[in-house]
Amino acid sequence: MTYYAVIDTNVVISSMLKRSSVPGQVMDLAVAGTIVPLEKQRMHFLLLET
């Protein structure tokens, strides 16, 4: 089964800070292809600014 989720900057940053957290698990599932991330274009700009 494929799931879809909006991945915002909080999830991305939290997953980088603590892999074993729920956001870290979400990102692992996204990398594995189980979750298809639906991201806002603004997120790209926010990540590039930091």
PDB file of N, CA and C in Angstrom:
ATOM      1  N   MET A   1       0.841  -1.172   0.000  1.00  0.00           N
ATOM      2  CA  MET A   1       0.000   0.000   0.000  1.00  0.00           C
ATOM      3  C   MET A   1       0.891   1.242   0.000  1.00  0.00           C
ATOM      4  N   THR A   2       0.517   2.234  -0.769  1.00  0.00           N
ATOM      5  CA  THR A   2       1.248   3.498  -0.829  1.00  0.00           C
ATOM      6  C   THR A   2       0.495   4.548  -0.038  1.00  0.00           C
ATOM      7  N   TYR A   3       1.237   5.295   0.755  1.00  0.00           N
ATOM      8  CA  TYR A   3       0.673   6.381   1.545  1.00  0.00           C
ATOM      9  C   TYR A   3       1.205   7.703   1.021  1.00  0.00           C
ATOM     10  N   TYR A   4       0.446   8.753   1.211  1.00  0.00           N
ATOM     11  CA  TYR A   4       0.847  10.094   0.813  1.00  0.00           C
ATOM     12  C   TYR A   4       0.861  10.980   2.051  1.00  0.00           C
ATOM     13  N   ALA A   5       1.884  11.816   2.163  1.00  0.00           N
ATOM     14  CA  ALA A   5       1.989  12.691   3.323  1.00  0.00           C
ATOM     15  C   ALA A   5       2.649  13.998   2.913  1.00  0.00           C
ATOM     16  N   VAL A   6       2.186  15.081   3.504  1.00  0.00           N
ATOM     17  CA  VAL A   6       2.838  16.370   3.307  1.00  0.00           C
ATOM     18  C   VAL A   6       4.021  16.419   4.261  1.00  0.00           C
ATOM     19  N   ILE A   7       5.189  16.611   3.699  1.00  0.00           N
ATOM     20  CA  ILE A   7       6.411  16.672   4.495  1.00  0.00           C
ATOM     21  C   ILE A   7       6.849  18.127   4.560  1.00  0.00           C
ATOM     22  N   ASP A   8       6.790  18.716   5.748  1.00  0.00           N
ATOM     23  CA  ASP A   8       7.203  20.114   5.875  1.00  0.00           C
ATOM     24  C   ASP A   8       8.602  20.198   6.480  1.00  0.00           C
ATOM     25  N   THR A   9       9.107  21.400   6.605  1.00  0.00           N
ATOM     26  CA  THR A   9      10.479  21.595   7.082  1.00  0.00           C
ATOM     27  C   THR A   9      10.671  21.071   8.502  1.00  0.00           C
ATOM     28  N   ASN A  10       9.660  21.149   9.345  1.00  0.00           N
ATOM     29  CA  ASN A  10       9.786  20.643  10.714  1.00  0.00           C
ATOM     30  C   ASN A  10      10.082  19.148  10.735  1.00  0.00           C
ATOM     31  N   VAL A  11       9.425  18.405   9.858  1.00  0.00           N
ATOM     32  CA  VAL A  11       9.654  16.961   9.784  1.00  0.00           C
ATOM     33  C   VAL A  11      11.067  16.678   9.283  1.00  0.00           C
ATOM     34  N   VAL A  12      11.495  17.401   8.264  1.00  0.00           N
ATOM     35  CA  VAL A  12      12.835  17.188   7.699  1.00  0.00           C
ATOM     36  C   VAL A  12      13.911  17.493   8.740  1.00  0.00           C
ATOM     37  N   ILE A  13      13.805  18.640   9.391  1.00  0.00           N
ATOM     38  CA  ILE A  13      14.813  19.034  10.378  1.00  0.00           C
ATOM     39  C   ILE A  13      14.790  18.084  11.582  1.00  0.00           C
ATOM     40  N   SER A  14      13.612  17.750  12.078  1.00  0.00           N
ATOM     41  CA  SER A  14      13.513  16.827  13.212  1.00  0.00           C
ATOM     42  C   SER A  14      14.102  15.465  12.888  1.00  0.00           C
ATOM     43  N   SER A  15      13.894  15.005  11.661  1.00  0.00           N
ATOM     44  CA  SER A  15      14.444  13.702  11.276  1.00  0.00           C
ATOM     45  C   SER A  15      15.969  13.739  11.217  1.00  0.00           C
ATOM     46  N   MET A  16      16.542  14.885  10.880  1.00  0.00           N
ATOM     47  CA  MET A  16      17.998  15.006  10.855  1.00  0.00           C
ATOM     48  C   MET A  16      18.578  15.072  12.265  1.00  0.00           C
ATOM     49  N   LEU A  17      17.827  15.659  13.189  1.00  0.00           N
ATOM     50  CA  LEU A  17      18.312  15.786  14.557  1.00  0.00           C
ATOM     51  C   LEU A  17      18.223  14.476  15.334  1.00  0.00           C
ATOM     52  N   LYS A  18      17.177  13.688  15.050  1.00  0.00           N
ATOM     53  CA  LYS A  18      16.989  12.434  15.786  1.00  0.00           C
ATOM     54  C   LYS A  18      16.338  11.402  14.873  1.00  0.00           C
ATOM     55  N   ARG A  19      17.150  10.508  14.336  1.00  0.00           N
ATOM     56  CA  ARG A  19      16.665   9.507  13.381  1.00  0.00           C
ATOM     57  C   ARG A  19      15.598   8.593  13.960  1.00  0.00           C
ATOM     58  N   SER A  20      15.676   8.301  15.253  1.00  0.00           N
ATOM     59  CA  SER A  20      14.737   7.343  15.843  1.00  0.00           C
ATOM     60  C   SER A  20      13.386   7.968  16.195  1.00  0.00           C
ATOM     61  N   SER A  21      13.216   9.264  15.929  1.00  0.00           N
ATOM     62  CA  SER A  21      11.951   9.942  16.233  1.00  0.00           C
ATOM     63  C   SER A  21      10.896   9.572  15.194  1.00  0.00           C
ATOM     64  N   VAL A  22       9.666   9.947  15.472  1.00  0.00           N
ATOM     65  CA  VAL A  22       8.583   9.704  14.510  1.00  0.00           C
ATOM     66  C   VAL A  22       8.874  10.402  13.175  1.00  0.00           C
ATOM     67  N   PRO A  23       9.313  11.676  13.175  1.00  0.00           N
ATOM     68  CA  PRO A  23       9.674  12.288  11.894  1.00  0.00           C
ATOM     69  C   PRO A  23      10.796  11.526  11.175  1.00  0.00           C
ATOM     70  N   GLY A  24      11.746  10.983  11.951  1.00  0.00           N
ATOM     71  CA  GLY A  24      12.807  10.178  11.352  1.00  0.00           C
ATOM     72  C   GLY A  24      12.262   8.926  10.692  1.00  0.00           C
ATOM     73  N   GLN A  25      11.295   8.300  11.332  1.00  0.00           N
ATOM     74  CA  GLN A  25      10.658   7.109  10.759  1.00  0.00           C
ATOM     75  C   GLN A  25       9.876   7.462   9.497  1.00  0.00           C
ATOM     76  N   VAL A  26       9.215   8.622   9.513  1.00  0.00           N
ATOM     77  CA  VAL A  26       8.474   9.075   8.329  1.00  0.00           C
ATOM     78  C   VAL A  26       9.433   9.275   7.160  1.00  0.00           C
ATOM     79  N   MET A  27      10.567   9.909   7.415  1.00  0.00           N
ATOM     80  CA  MET A  27      11.546  10.132   6.353  1.00  0.00           C
ATOM     81  C   MET A  27      12.130   8.815   5.855  1.00  0.00           C
ATOM     82  N   ASP A  28      12.368   7.858   6.750  1.00  0.00           N
ATOM     83  CA  ASP A  28      12.851   6.535   6.331  1.00  0.00           C
ATOM     84  C   ASP A  28      11.849   5.873   5.403  1.00  0.00           C
ATOM     85  N   LEU A  29      10.563   5.978   5.745  1.00  0.00           N
ATOM     86  CA  LEU A  29       9.523   5.389   4.888  1.00  0.00           C
ATOM     87  C   LEU A  29       9.425   6.119   3.554  1.00  0.00           C
ATOM     88  N   ALA A  30       9.667   7.415   3.560  1.00  0.00           N
ATOM     89  CA  ALA A  30       9.645   8.181   2.312  1.00  0.00           C
ATOM     90  C   ALA A  30      10.809   7.761   1.412  1.00  0.00           C
ATOM     91  N   VAL A  31      11.977   7.569   2.007  1.00  0.00           N
ATOM     92  CA  VAL A  31      13.151   7.131   1.234  1.00  0.00           C
ATOM     93  C   VAL A  31      12.917   5.721   0.676  1.00  0.00           C
ATOM     94  N   ALA A  32      12.256   4.877   1.461  1.00  0.00           N
ATOM     95  CA  ALA A  32      11.972   3.510   1.029  1.00  0.00           C
ATOM     96  C   ALA A  32      10.878   3.438  -0.026  1.00  0.00           C
ATOM     97  N   GLY A  33      10.116   4.527  -0.195  1.00  0.00           N
ATOM     98  CA  GLY A  33       9.052   4.545  -1.191  1.00  0.00           C
ATOM     99  C   GLY A  33       7.687   4.154  -0.669  1.00  0.00           C
ATOM    100  N   THR A  34       7.586   3.864   0.623  1.00  0.00           N
ATOM    101  CA  THR A  34       6.299   3.506   1.216  1.00  0.00           C
ATOM    102  C   THR A  34       5.400   4.730   1.323  1.00  0.00           C
ATOM    103  N   ILE A  35       6.008   5.863   1.651  1.00  0.00           N
ATOM    104  CA  ILE A  35       5.292   7.137   1.718  1.00  0.00           C
ATOM    105  C   ILE A  35       5.743   7.995   0.548  1.00  0.00           C
ATOM    106  N   VAL A  36       4.786   8.523  -0.185  1.00  0.00           N
ATOM    107  CA  VAL A  36       5.094   9.460  -1.261  1.00  0.00           C
ATOM    108  C   VAL A  36       4.951  10.863  -0.691  1.00  0.00           C
ATOM    109  N   PRO A  37       6.070  11.589  -0.600  1.00  0.00           N
ATOM    110  CA  PRO A  37       5.983  12.926  -0.010  1.00  0.00           C
ATOM    111  C   PRO A  37       5.305  13.918  -0.942  1.00  0.00           C
ATOM    112  N   LEU A  38       4.400  14.677  -0.394  1.00  0.00           N
ATOM    113  CA  LEU A  38       3.770  15.777  -1.108  1.00  0.00           C
ATOM    114  C   LEU A  38       4.314  17.040  -0.481  1.00  0.00           C
ATOM    115  N   GLU A  39       5.177  17.712  -1.174  1.00  0.00           N
ATOM    116  CA  GLU A  39       5.857  18.850  -0.575  1.00  0.00           C
ATOM    117  C   GLU A  39       5.457  20.155  -1.238  1.00  0.00           C
ATOM    118  N   LYS A  40       5.510  21.178  -0.462  1.00  0.00           N
ATOM    119  CA  LYS A  40       5.229  22.509  -0.978  1.00  0.00           C
ATOM    120  C   LYS A  40       6.504  23.070  -1.569  1.00  0.00           C
ATOM    121  N   GLN A  41       6.396  23.818  -2.640  1.00  0.00           N
ATOM    122  CA  GLN A  41       7.582  24.387  -3.270  1.00  0.00           C
ATOM    123  C   GLN A  41       8.326  25.321  -2.331  1.00  0.00           C
ATOM    124  N   ARG A  42       7.620  25.961  -1.468  1.00  0.00           N
ATOM    125  CA  ARG A  42       8.256  26.889  -0.536  1.00  0.00           C
ATOM    126  C   ARG A  42       9.284  26.180   0.333  1.00  0.00           C
ATOM    127  N   MET A  43       9.069  24.913   0.613  1.00  0.00           N
ATOM    128  CA  MET A  43       9.990  24.170   1.441  1.00  0.00           C
ATOM    129  C   MET A  43      11.392  24.150   0.820  1.00  0.00           C
ATOM    130  N   HIS A  44      11.459  24.028  -0.479  1.00  0.00           N
ATOM    131  CA  HIS A  44      12.753  24.008  -1.158  1.00  0.00           C
ATOM    132  C   HIS A  44      13.515  25.300  -0.886  1.00  0.00           C
ATOM    133  N   PHE A  45      12.813  26.411  -0.951  1.00  0.00           N
ATOM    134  CA  PHE A  45      13.460  27.690  -0.703  1.00  0.00           C
ATOM    135  C   PHE A  45      13.902  27.822   0.751  1.00  0.00           C
ATOM    136  N   LEU A  46      13.072  27.344   1.675  1.00  0.00           N
ATOM    137  CA  LEU A  46      13.424  27.432   3.094  1.00  0.00           C
ATOM    138  C   LEU A  46      14.667  26.592   3.401  1.00  0.00           C
ATOM    139  N   LEU A  47      14.757  25.418   2.816  1.00  0.00           N
ATOM    140  CA  LEU A  47      15.914  24.565   3.071  1.00  0.00           C
ATOM    141  C   LEU A  47      17.177  25.136   2.451  1.00  0.00           C
ATOM    142  N   LEU A  48      17.044  25.778   1.314  1.00  0.00           N
ATOM    143  CA  LEU A  48      18.214  26.358   0.651  1.00  0.00           C
ATOM    144  C   LEU A  48      18.732  27.586   1.387  1.00  0.00           C
ATOM    145  N   GLU A  49      17.849  28.296   2.089  1.00  0.00           N
ATOM    146  CA  GLU A  49      18.241  29.495   2.816  1.00  0.00           C
ATOM    147  C   GLU A  49      19.041  29.182   4.078  1.00  0.00           C
ATOM    148  N   THR A  50      18.856  27.976   4.645  1.00  0.00           N
ATOM    149  CA  THR A  50      19.530  27.646   5.905  1.00  0.00           C
ATOM    150  C   THR A  50      20.897  27.054   5.685  1.00  0.00           C
TER     151      THR A  50
END
